[in-house]
Amino acid sequence: MAVHKATRSNPPAQPQPTRRRPNPQFKAELLDTLQRLNRGFGMALAALGKLQGKRRLDGPSIFPGACLRDYRKRTEALRAQANRDLLQIFSGHEDRDAARFGK
């Protein structure tokens, strides 16, 4: 009985690393995502403003003003902290890119 041997191509012993191409839109996508984050904070603040304006038919607001003001302050503080921290990290990357490409 004859045995058929399969012929195989001879691949290199080690796989060759594939070089990733840089995404030219990467920075624009990051900044767009930060803009969406800020838009989300803006929507939350607008919703808190609407809740503050909701009143019962016969009188006072349903939600205490101090409570909603506290949520507004906390939301504004969180937005400011997130923007500061994330943009600081982004700025560090930009500084390194400027140094690298400036050579």
PDB file of N, CA and C in Angstrom:
ATOM      1  N   MET A   1       0.820  -1.156   0.000  1.00  0.00           N
ATOM      2  CA  MET A   1       0.000   0.000   0.000  1.00  0.00           C
ATOM      3  C   MET A   1       0.882   1.244   0.000  1.00  0.00           C
ATOM      4  N   ALA A   2       0.558   2.206  -0.843  1.00  0.00           N
ATOM      5  CA  ALA A   2       1.366   3.409  -0.973  1.00  0.00           C
ATOM      6  C   ALA A   2       0.898   4.459   0.023  1.00  0.00           C
ATOM      7  N   VAL A   3       1.842   5.155   0.594  1.00  0.00           N
ATOM      8  CA  VAL A   3       1.527   6.215   1.549  1.00  0.00           C
ATOM      9  C   VAL A   3       1.781   7.543   0.873  1.00  0.00           C
ATOM     10  N   HIS A   4       0.785   8.411   0.898  1.00  0.00           N
ATOM     11  CA  HIS A   4       0.939   9.734   0.303  1.00  0.00           C
ATOM     12  C   HIS A   4       1.351  10.718   1.386  1.00  0.00           C
ATOM     13  N   LYS A   5       2.459  11.378   1.139  1.00  0.00           N
ATOM     14  CA  LYS A   5       2.918  12.384   2.087  1.00  0.00           C
ATOM     15  C   LYS A   5       2.431  13.748   1.624  1.00  0.00           C
ATOM     16  N   ALA A   6       1.913  14.508   2.559  1.00  0.00           N
ATOM     17  CA  ALA A   6       1.452  15.853   2.226  1.00  0.00           C
ATOM     18  C   ALA A   6       2.658  16.774   2.110  1.00  0.00           C
ATOM     19  N   THR A   7       2.626  17.617   1.090  1.00  0.00           N
ATOM     20  CA  THR A   7       3.700  18.598   0.966  1.00  0.00           C
ATOM     21  C   THR A   7       3.220  19.897   1.588  1.00  0.00           C
ATOM     22  N   ARG A   8       4.046  20.435   2.415  1.00  0.00           N
ATOM     23  CA  ARG A   8       3.700  21.672   3.116  1.00  0.00           C
ATOM     24  C   ARG A   8       4.733  22.729   2.794  1.00  0.00           C
ATOM     25  N   SER A   9       4.256  23.956   2.791  1.00  0.00           N
ATOM     26  CA  SER A   9       5.224  25.034   2.622  1.00  0.00           C
ATOM     27  C   SER A   9       6.049  25.128   3.893  1.00  0.00           C
ATOM     28  N   ASN A  10       7.201  25.703   3.795  1.00  0.00           N
ATOM     29  CA  ASN A  10       8.110  25.768   4.923  1.00  0.00           C
ATOM     30  C   ASN A  10       8.000  27.150   5.571  1.00  0.00           C
ATOM     31  N   PRO A  11       7.120  27.322   6.595  1.00  0.00           N
ATOM     32  CA  PRO A  11       6.981  28.626   7.234  1.00  0.00           C
ATOM     33  C   PRO A  11       8.202  28.930   8.093  1.00  0.00           C
ATOM     34  N   PRO A  12       8.481  30.199   8.346  1.00  0.00           N
ATOM     35  CA  PRO A  12       9.615  30.508   9.221  1.00  0.00           C
ATOM     36  C   PRO A  12       9.395  29.943  10.619  1.00  0.00           C
ATOM     37  N   ALA A  13      10.496  29.658  11.270  1.00  0.00           N
ATOM     38  CA  ALA A  13      10.410  29.040  12.593  1.00  0.00           C
ATOM     39  C   ALA A  13       9.704  29.945  13.598  1.00  0.00           C
ATOM     40  N   GLN A  14       9.930  31.247  13.512  1.00  0.00           N
ATOM     41  CA  GLN A  14       9.284  32.195  14.427  1.00  0.00           C
ATOM     42  C   GLN A  14       8.320  33.063  13.637  1.00  0.00           C
ATOM     43  N   PRO A  15       7.120  33.267  14.178  1.00  0.00           N
ATOM     44  CA  PRO A  15       6.195  34.149  13.459  1.00  0.00           C
ATOM     45  C   PRO A  15       6.744  35.575  13.402  1.00  0.00           C
ATOM     46  N   GLN A  16       6.566  36.190  12.277  1.00  0.00           N
ATOM     47  CA  GLN A  16       7.043  37.554  12.092  1.00  0.00           C
ATOM     48  C   GLN A  16       6.068  38.523  12.738  1.00  0.00           C
ATOM     49  N   PRO A  17       6.573  39.469  13.533  1.00  0.00           N
ATOM     50  CA  PRO A  17       5.656  40.429  14.157  1.00  0.00           C
ATOM     51  C   PRO A  17       5.038  41.332  13.092  1.00  0.00           C
ATOM     52  N   THR A  18       3.761  41.544  13.228  1.00  0.00           N
ATOM     53  CA  THR A  18       3.095  42.455  12.310  1.00  0.00           C
ATOM     54  C   THR A  18       3.148  43.846  12.906  1.00  0.00           C
ATOM     55  N   ARG A  19       3.496  44.803  12.089  1.00  0.00           N
ATOM     56  CA  ARG A  19       3.603  46.174  12.566  1.00  0.00           C
ATOM     57  C   ARG A  19       2.248  46.846  12.420  1.00  0.00           C
ATOM     58  N   ARG A  20       1.753  47.354  13.528  1.00  0.00           N
ATOM     59  CA  ARG A  20       0.456  48.032  13.498  1.00  0.00           C
ATOM     60  C   ARG A  20       0.619  49.408  12.888  1.00  0.00           C
ATOM     61  N   ARG A  21      -0.328  49.736  12.062  1.00  0.00           N
ATOM     62  CA  ARG A  21      -0.312  51.064  11.477  1.00  0.00           C
ATOM     63  C   ARG A  21      -0.966  52.030  12.439  1.00  0.00           C
ATOM     64  N   PRO A  22      -0.396  53.221  12.551  1.00  0.00           N
ATOM     65  CA  PRO A  22      -1.017  54.193  13.453  1.00  0.00           C
ATOM     66  C   PRO A  22      -2.368  54.648  12.895  1.00  0.00           C
ATOM     67  N   ASN A  23      -3.291  54.865  13.799  1.00  0.00           N
ATOM     68  CA  ASN A  23      -4.614  55.346  13.418  1.00  0.00           C
ATOM     69  C   ASN A  23      -4.545  56.864  13.350  1.00  0.00           C
ATOM     70  N   PRO A  24      -4.672  57.447  12.153  1.00  0.00           N
ATOM     71  CA  PRO A  24      -4.551  58.908  12.053  1.00  0.00           C
ATOM     72  C   PRO A  24      -5.692  59.654  12.738  1.00  0.00           C
ATOM     73  N   GLN A  25      -6.758  58.967  13.054  1.00  0.00           N
ATOM     74  CA  GLN A  25      -7.902  59.603  13.699  1.00  0.00           C
ATOM     75  C   GLN A  25      -7.951  59.366  15.202  1.00  0.00           C
ATOM     76  N   PHE A  26      -6.915  58.737  15.753  1.00  0.00           N
ATOM     77  CA  PHE A  26      -6.927  58.345  17.162  1.00  0.00           C
ATOM     78  C   PHE A  26      -7.148  59.534  18.102  1.00  0.00           C
ATOM     79  N   LYS A  27      -6.394  60.609  17.903  1.00  0.00           N
ATOM     80  CA  LYS A  27      -6.516  61.769  18.785  1.00  0.00           C
ATOM     81  C   LYS A  27      -7.880  62.435  18.628  1.00  0.00           C
ATOM     82  N   ALA A  28      -8.357  62.496  17.395  1.00  0.00           N
ATOM     83  CA  ALA A  28      -9.683  63.075  17.162  1.00  0.00           C
ATOM     84  C   ALA A  28     -10.760  62.244  17.856  1.00  0.00           C
ATOM     85  N   GLU A  29     -10.604  60.913  17.842  1.00  0.00           N
ATOM     86  CA  GLU A  29     -11.565  60.039  18.511  1.00  0.00           C
ATOM     87  C   GLU A  29     -11.525  60.237  20.027  1.00  0.00           C
ATOM     88  N   LEU A  30     -10.312  60.400  20.583  1.00  0.00           N
ATOM     89  CA  LEU A  30     -10.199  60.654  22.020  1.00  0.00           C
ATOM     90  C   LEU A  30     -10.893  61.960  22.406  1.00  0.00           C
ATOM     91  N   LEU A  31     -10.621  63.007  21.646  1.00  0.00           N
ATOM     92  CA  LEU A  31     -11.222  64.302  21.962  1.00  0.00           C
ATOM     93  C   LEU A  31     -12.734  64.277  21.757  1.00  0.00           C
ATOM     94  N   ASP A  32     -13.196  63.523  20.762  1.00  0.00           N
ATOM     95  CA  ASP A  32     -14.639  63.386  20.554  1.00  0.00           C
ATOM     96  C   ASP A  32     -15.279  62.658  21.736  1.00  0.00           C
ATOM     97  N   THR A  33     -14.596  61.660  22.254  1.00  0.00           N
ATOM     98  CA  THR A  33     -15.121  60.926  23.407  1.00  0.00           C
ATOM     99  C   THR A  33     -15.169  61.821  24.649  1.00  0.00           C
ATOM    100  N   LEU A  34     -14.151  62.653  24.832  1.00  0.00           N
ATOM    101  CA  LEU A  34     -14.171  63.606  25.952  1.00  0.00           C
ATOM    102  C   LEU A  34     -15.321  64.601  25.786  1.00  0.00           C
ATOM    103  N   GLN A  35     -15.570  65.012  24.548  1.00  0.00           N
ATOM    104  CA  GLN A  35     -16.691  65.925  24.292  1.00  0.00           C
ATOM    105  C   GLN A  35     -18.016  65.248  24.642  1.00  0.00           C
ATOM    106  N   ARG A  36     -18.143  63.980  24.316  1.00  0.00           N
ATOM    107  CA  ARG A  36     -19.371  63.238  24.651  1.00  0.00           C
ATOM    108  C   ARG A  36     -19.539  63.103  26.161  1.00  0.00           C
ATOM    109  N   LEU A  37     -18.426  62.896  26.847  1.00  0.00           N
ATOM    110  CA  LEU A  37     -18.474  62.828  28.309  1.00  0.00           C
ATOM    111  C   LEU A  37     -18.991  64.145  28.880  1.00  0.00           C
ATOM    112  N   ASN A  38     -18.474  65.254  28.368  1.00  0.00           N
ATOM    113  CA  ASN A  38     -18.921  66.562  28.839  1.00  0.00           C
ATOM    114  C   ASN A  38     -20.374  66.826  28.468  1.00  0.00           C
ATOM    115  N   ARG A  39     -20.797  66.367  27.299  1.00  0.00           N
ATOM    116  CA  ARG A  39     -22.196  66.508  26.914  1.00  0.00           C
ATOM    117  C   ARG A  39     -23.090  65.736  27.885  1.00  0.00           C
ATOM    118  N   GLY A  40     -22.624  64.559  28.313  1.00  0.00           N
ATOM    119  CA  GLY A  40     -23.386  63.772  29.287  1.00  0.00           C
ATOM    120  C   GLY A  40     -23.536  64.500  30.615  1.00  0.00           C
ATOM    121  N   PHE A  41     -22.446  65.134  31.069  1.00  0.00           N
ATOM    122  CA  PHE A  41     -22.539  65.936  32.291  1.00  0.00           C
ATOM    123  C   PHE A  41     -23.518  67.088  32.092  1.00  0.00           C
ATOM    124  N   GLY A  42     -23.476  67.719  30.916  1.00  0.00           N
ATOM    125  CA  GLY A  42     -24.396  68.812  30.627  1.00  0.00           C
ATOM    126  C   GLY A  42     -25.848  68.354  30.640  1.00  0.00           C
ATOM    127  N   MET A  43     -26.095  67.165  30.124  1.00  0.00           N
ATOM    128  CA  MET A  43     -27.461  66.625  30.133  1.00  0.00           C
ATOM    129  C   MET A  43     -27.922  66.348  31.562  1.00  0.00           C
ATOM    130  N   ALA A  44     -27.018  65.834  32.385  1.00  0.00           N
ATOM    131  CA  ALA A  44     -27.369  65.580  33.786  1.00  0.00           C
ATOM    132  C   ALA A  44     -27.687  66.885  34.505  1.00  0.00           C
ATOM    133  N   LEU A  45     -26.881  67.916  34.246  1.00  0.00           N
ATOM    134  CA  LEU A  45     -27.138  69.214  34.883  1.00  0.00           C
ATOM    135  C   LEU A  45     -28.449  69.817  34.404  1.00  0.00           C
ATOM    136  N   ALA A  46     -28.755  69.662  33.121  1.00  0.00           N
ATOM    137  CA  ALA A  46     -30.027  70.162  32.596  1.00  0.00           C
ATOM    138  C   ALA A  46     -31.203  69.428  33.238  1.00  0.00           C
ATOM    139  N   ALA A  47     -31.051  68.129  33.440  1.00  0.00           N
ATOM    140  CA  ALA A  47     -32.112  67.349  34.080  1.00  0.00           C
ATOM    141  C   ALA A  47     -32.311  67.793  35.530  1.00  0.00           C
ATOM    142  N   LEU A  48     -31.219  68.082  36.226  1.00  0.00           N
ATOM    143  CA  LEU A  48     -31.352  68.583  37.599  1.00  0.00           C
ATOM    144  C   LEU A  48     -32.076  69.932  37.606  1.00  0.00           C
ATOM    145  N   GLY A  49     -31.803  70.768  36.624  1.00  0.00           N
ATOM    146  CA  GLY A  49     -32.501  72.046  36.523  1.00  0.00           C
ATOM    147  C   GLY A  49     -33.993  71.864  36.287  1.00  0.00           C
ATOM    148  N   LYS A  50     -34.337  70.896  35.465  1.00  0.00           N
ATOM    149  CA  LYS A  50     -35.759  70.625  35.218  1.00  0.00           C
ATOM    150  C   LYS A  50     -36.443  70.104  36.482  1.00  0.00           C
ATOM    151  N   LEU A  51     -35.752  69.257  37.226  1.00  0.00           N
ATOM    152  CA  LEU A  51     -36.332  68.757  38.475  1.00  0.00           C
ATOM    153  C   LEU A  51     -36.554  69.892  39.467  1.00  0.00           C
ATOM    154  N   GLN A  52     -35.650  70.847  39.454  1.00  0.00           N
ATOM    155  CA  GLN A  52     -35.774  71.972  40.380  1.00  0.00           C
ATOM    156  C   GLN A  52     -37.017  72.807  40.056  1.00  0.00           C
ATOM    157  N   GLY A  53     -37.371  72.841  38.800  1.00  0.00           N
ATOM    158  CA  GLY A  53     -38.531  73.633  38.390  1.00  0.00           C
ATOM    159  C   GLY A  53     -39.865  72.911  38.546  1.00  0.00           C
ATOM    160  N   LYS A  54     -39.843  71.637  38.817  1.00  0.00           N
ATOM    161  CA  LYS A  54     -41.096  70.880  38.959  1.00  0.00           C
ATOM    162  C   LYS A  54     -41.768  71.231  40.277  1.00  0.00           C
ATOM    163  N   ARG A  55     -42.999  71.621  40.168  1.00  0.00           N
ATOM    164  CA  ARG A  55     -43.768  72.013  41.351  1.00  0.00           C
ATOM    165  C   ARG A  55     -45.078  71.252  41.389  1.00  0.00           C
ATOM    166  N   ARG A  56     -45.587  71.123  42.574  1.00  0.00           N
ATOM    167  CA  ARG A  56     -46.936  70.562  42.724  1.00  0.00           C
ATOM    168  C   ARG A  56     -47.939  71.591  42.245  1.00  0.00           C
ATOM    169  N   LEU A  57     -49.105  71.128  41.949  1.00  0.00           N
ATOM    170  CA  LEU A  57     -50.140  72.046  41.457  1.00  0.00           C
ATOM    171  C   LEU A  57     -50.430  73.167  42.448  1.00  0.00           C
ATOM    172  N   ASP A  58     -50.377  72.850  43.719  1.00  0.00           N
ATOM    173  CA  ASP A  58     -50.785  73.833  44.713  1.00  0.00           C
ATOM    174  C   ASP A  58     -49.629  74.479  45.466  1.00  0.00           C
ATOM    175  N   GLY A  59     -48.403  74.347  44.977  1.00  0.00           N
ATOM    176  CA  GLY A  59     -47.387  75.041  45.745  1.00  0.00           C
ATOM    177  C   GLY A  59     -45.947  74.688  45.526  1.00  0.00           C
ATOM    178  N   PRO A  60     -45.284  74.211  46.587  1.00  0.00           N
ATOM    179  CA  PRO A  60     -43.826  74.141  46.600  1.00  0.00           C
ATOM    180  C   PRO A  60     -43.258  73.083  45.654  1.00  0.00           C
ATOM    181  N   SER A  61     -41.960  73.202  45.453  1.00  0.00           N
ATOM    182  CA  SER A  61     -41.236  72.251  44.615  1.00  0.00           C
ATOM    183  C   SER A  61     -41.276  70.863  45.249  1.00  0.00           C
ATOM    184  N   ILE A  62     -41.277  69.860  44.419  1.00  0.00           N
ATOM    185  CA  ILE A  62     -41.312  68.485  44.921  1.00  0.00           C
ATOM    186  C   ILE A  62     -39.995  68.136  45.603  1.00  0.00           C
ATOM    187  N   PHE A  63     -38.882  68.552  44.992  1.00  0.00           N
ATOM    188  CA  PHE A  63     -37.564  68.235  45.537  1.00  0.00           C
ATOM    189  C   PHE A  63     -37.010  69.449  46.266  1.00  0.00           C
ATOM    190  N   PRO A  64     -36.425  69.245  47.423  1.00  0.00           N
ATOM    191  CA  PRO A  64     -35.844  70.375  48.147  1.00  0.00           C
ATOM    192  C   PRO A  64     -34.736  71.033  47.327  1.00  0.00           C
ATOM    193  N   GLY A  65     -34.736  72.347  47.283  1.00  0.00           N
ATOM    194  CA  GLY A  65     -33.739  73.080  46.516  1.00  0.00           C
ATOM    195  C   GLY A  65     -32.320  72.801  46.958  1.00  0.00           C
ATOM    196  N   ALA A  66     -32.105  72.662  48.258  1.00  0.00           N
ATOM    197  CA  ALA A  66     -30.759  72.407  48.780  1.00  0.00           C
ATOM    198  C   ALA A  66     -30.228  71.054  48.280  1.00  0.00           C
ATOM    199  N   CYS A  67     -31.099  70.085  48.209  1.00  0.00           N
ATOM    200  CA  CYS A  67     -30.710  68.752  47.739  1.00  0.00           C
ATOM    201  C   CYS A  67     -30.257  68.818  46.283  1.00  0.00           C
ATOM    202  N   LEU A  68     -31.034  69.469  45.436  1.00  0.00           N
ATOM    203  CA  LEU A  68     -30.688  69.556  44.019  1.00  0.00           C
ATOM    204  C   LEU A  68     -29.450  70.428  43.797  1.00  0.00           C
ATOM    205  N   ARG A  69     -29.304  71.488  44.590  1.00  0.00           N
ATOM    206  CA  ARG A  69     -28.092  72.314  44.483  1.00  0.00           C
ATOM    207  C   ARG A  69     -26.853  71.502  44.845  1.00  0.00           C
ATOM    208  N   ASP A  70     -26.992  70.650  45.853  1.00  0.00           N
ATOM    209  CA  ASP A  70     -25.868  69.800  46.249  1.00  0.00           C
ATOM    210  C   ASP A  70     -25.487  68.846  45.118  1.00  0.00           C
ATOM    211  N   TYR A  71     -26.498  68.232  44.481  1.00  0.00           N
ATOM    212  CA  TYR A  71     -26.219  67.346  43.352  1.00  0.00           C
ATOM    213  C   TYR A  71     -25.581  68.122  42.200  1.00  0.00           C
ATOM    214  N   ARG A  72     -26.044  69.341  41.958  1.00  0.00           N
ATOM    215  CA  ARG A  72     -25.486  70.167  40.888  1.00  0.00           C
ATOM    216  C   ARG A  72     -24.005  70.468  41.168  1.00  0.00           C
ATOM    217  N   LYS A  73     -23.698  70.856  42.415  1.00  0.00           N
ATOM    218  CA  LYS A  73     -22.314  71.161  42.786  1.00  0.00           C
ATOM    219  C   LYS A  73     -21.429  69.929  42.635  1.00  0.00           C
ATOM    220  N   ARG A  74     -21.942  68.789  43.082  1.00  0.00           N
ATOM    221  CA  ARG A  74     -21.156  67.557  42.997  1.00  0.00           C
ATOM    222  C   ARG A  74     -20.935  67.148  41.545  1.00  0.00           C
ATOM    223  N   THR A  75     -21.952  67.341  40.705  1.00  0.00           N
ATOM    224  CA  THR A  75     -21.823  67.009  39.286  1.00  0.00           C
ATOM    225  C   THR A  75     -20.815  67.926  38.609  1.00  0.00           C
ATOM    226  N   GLU A  76     -20.900  69.229  38.899  1.00  0.00           N
ATOM    227  CA  GLU A  76     -19.945  70.187  38.332  1.00  0.00           C
ATOM    228  C   GLU A  76     -18.522  69.877  38.790  1.00  0.00           C
ATOM    229  N   ALA A  77     -18.369  69.518  40.061  1.00  0.00           N
ATOM    230  CA  ALA A  77     -17.041  69.191  40.591  1.00  0.00           C
ATOM    231  C   ALA A  77     -16.483  67.936  39.917  1.00  0.00           C
ATOM    232  N   LEU A  78     -17.326  66.926  39.742  1.00  0.00           N
ATOM    233  CA  LEU A  78     -16.877  65.701  39.095  1.00  0.00           C
ATOM    234  C   LEU A  78     -16.480  65.963  37.651  1.00  0.00           C
ATOM    235  N   ARG A  79     -17.257  66.781  36.939  1.00  0.00           N
ATOM    236  CA  ARG A  79     -16.922  67.110  35.562  1.00  0.00           C
ATOM    237  C   ARG A  79     -15.568  67.828  35.512  1.00  0.00           C
ATOM    238  N   ALA A  80     -15.374  68.801  36.397  1.00  0.00           N
ATOM    239  CA  ALA A  80     -14.121  69.552  36.414  1.00  0.00           C
ATOM    240  C   ALA A  80     -12.928  68.641  36.726  1.00  0.00           C
ATOM    241  N   GLN A  81     -13.086  67.752  37.692  1.00  0.00           N
ATOM    242  CA  GLN A  81     -11.997  66.847  38.061  1.00  0.00           C
ATOM    243  C   GLN A  81     -11.675  65.876  36.928  1.00  0.00           C
ATOM    244  N   ALA A  82     -12.718  65.337  36.302  1.00  0.00           N
ATOM    245  CA  ALA A  82     -12.499  64.404  35.192  1.00  0.00           C
ATOM    246  C   ALA A  82     -11.789  65.111  34.043  1.00  0.00           C
ATOM    247  N   ASN A  83     -12.254  66.312  33.697  1.00  0.00           N
ATOM    248  CA  ASN A  83     -11.605  67.060  32.616  1.00  0.00           C
ATOM    249  C   ASN A  83     -10.150  67.359  32.952  1.00  0.00           C
ATOM    250  N   ARG A  84      -9.910  67.815  34.171  1.00  0.00           N
ATOM    251  CA  ARG A  84      -8.542  68.143  34.580  1.00  0.00           C
ATOM    252  C   ARG A  84      -7.636  66.923  34.488  1.00  0.00           C
ATOM    253  N   ASP A  85      -8.074  65.824  35.081  1.00  0.00           N
ATOM    254  CA  ASP A  85      -7.223  64.630  35.136  1.00  0.00           C
ATOM    255  C   ASP A  85      -7.015  64.016  33.755  1.00  0.00           C
ATOM    256  N   LEU A  86      -8.083  63.867  32.991  1.00  0.00           N
ATOM    257  CA  LEU A  86      -7.963  63.235  31.680  1.00  0.00           C
ATOM    258  C   LEU A  86      -7.173  64.106  30.708  1.00  0.00           C
ATOM    259  N   LEU A  87      -7.396  65.411  30.745  1.00  0.00           N
ATOM    260  CA  LEU A  87      -6.648  66.294  29.852  1.00  0.00           C
ATOM    261  C   LEU A  87      -5.186  66.413  30.265  1.00  0.00           C
ATOM    262  N   GLN A  88      -4.910  66.276  31.546  1.00  0.00           N
ATOM    263  CA  GLN A  88      -3.521  66.285  32.007  1.00  0.00           C
ATOM    264  C   GLN A  88      -2.780  65.062  31.469  1.00  0.00           C
ATOM    265  N   ILE A  89      -3.434  63.908  31.508  1.00  0.00           N
ATOM    266  CA  ILE A  89      -2.830  62.690  30.950  1.00  0.00           C
ATOM    267  C   ILE A  89      -2.624  62.857  29.448  1.00  0.00           C
ATOM    268  N   PHE A  90      -3.648  63.365  28.772  1.00  0.00           N
ATOM    269  CA  PHE A  90      -3.574  63.584  27.324  1.00  0.00           C
ATOM    270  C   PHE A  90      -2.451  64.569  26.990  1.00  0.00           C
ATOM    271  N   SER A  91      -2.315  65.604  27.796  1.00  0.00           N
ATOM    272  CA  SER A  91      -1.277  66.604  27.581  1.00  0.00           C
ATOM    273  C   SER A  91       0.113  65.988  27.687  1.00  0.00           C
ATOM    274  N   GLY A  92       0.304  65.073  28.608  1.00  0.00           N
ATOM    275  CA  GLY A  92       1.590  64.383  28.734  1.00  0.00           C
ATOM    276  C   GLY A  92       1.937  63.609  27.478  1.00  0.00           C
ATOM    277  N   HIS A  93       0.942  62.933  26.896  1.00  0.00           N
ATOM    278  CA  HIS A  93       1.171  62.211  25.647  1.00  0.00           C
ATOM    279  C   HIS A  93       1.503  63.188  24.519  1.00  0.00           C
ATOM    280  N   GLU A  94       0.816  64.324  24.494  1.00  0.00           N
ATOM    281  CA  GLU A  94       1.077  65.325  23.468  1.00  0.00           C
ATOM    282  C   GLU A  94       2.490  65.893  23.613  1.00  0.00           C
ATOM    283  N   ASP A  95       2.930  66.113  24.843  1.00  0.00           N
ATOM    284  CA  ASP A  95       4.291  66.605  25.071  1.00  0.00           C
ATOM    285  C   ASP A  95       5.323  65.618  24.538  1.00  0.00           C
ATOM    286  N   ARG A  96       5.103  64.325  24.810  1.00  0.00           N
ATOM    287  CA  ARG A  96       6.038  63.304  24.318  1.00  0.00           C
ATOM    288  C   ARG A  96       6.022  63.233  22.793  1.00  0.00           C
ATOM    289  N   ASP A  97       4.827  63.332  22.189  1.00  0.00           N
ATOM    290  CA  ASP A  97       4.740  63.322  20.726  1.00  0.00           C
ATOM    291  C   ASP A  97       5.439  64.538  20.129  1.00  0.00           C
ATOM    292  N   ALA A  98       5.253  65.695  20.744  1.00  0.00           N
ATOM    293  CA  ALA A  98       5.892  66.907  20.233  1.00  0.00           C
ATOM    294  C   ALA A  98       7.412  66.778  20.297  1.00  0.00           C
ATOM    295  N   ALA A  99       7.921  66.198  21.369  1.00  0.00           N
ATOM    296  CA  ALA A  99       9.366  66.004  21.495  1.00  0.00           C
ATOM    297  C   ALA A  99       9.863  64.993  20.485  1.00  0.00           C
ATOM    298  N   ARG A 100       9.107  63.926  20.292  1.00  0.00           N
ATOM    299  CA  ARG A 100       9.522  62.871  19.362  1.00  0.00           C
ATOM    300  C   ARG A 100       9.482  63.355  17.913  1.00  0.00           C
ATOM    301  N   PHE A 101       8.415  64.028  17.531  1.00  0.00           N
ATOM    302  CA  PHE A 101       8.269  64.469  16.135  1.00  0.00           C
ATOM    303  C   PHE A 101       9.029  65.751  15.856  1.00  0.00           C
ATOM    304  N   GLY A 102       9.406  66.477  16.909  1.00  0.00           N
ATOM    305  CA  GLY A 102      10.142  67.718  16.719  1.00  0.00           C
ATOM    306  C   GLY A 102      11.604  67.501  16.373  1.00  0.00           C
ATOM    307  N   LYS A 103      12.065  66.281  16.499  1.00  0.00           N
ATOM    308  CA  LYS A 103      13.488  65.985  16.222  1.00  0.00           C
ATOM    309  C   LYS A 103      13.735  65.879  14.743  1.00  0.00           C
TER     310      LYS A 103
END
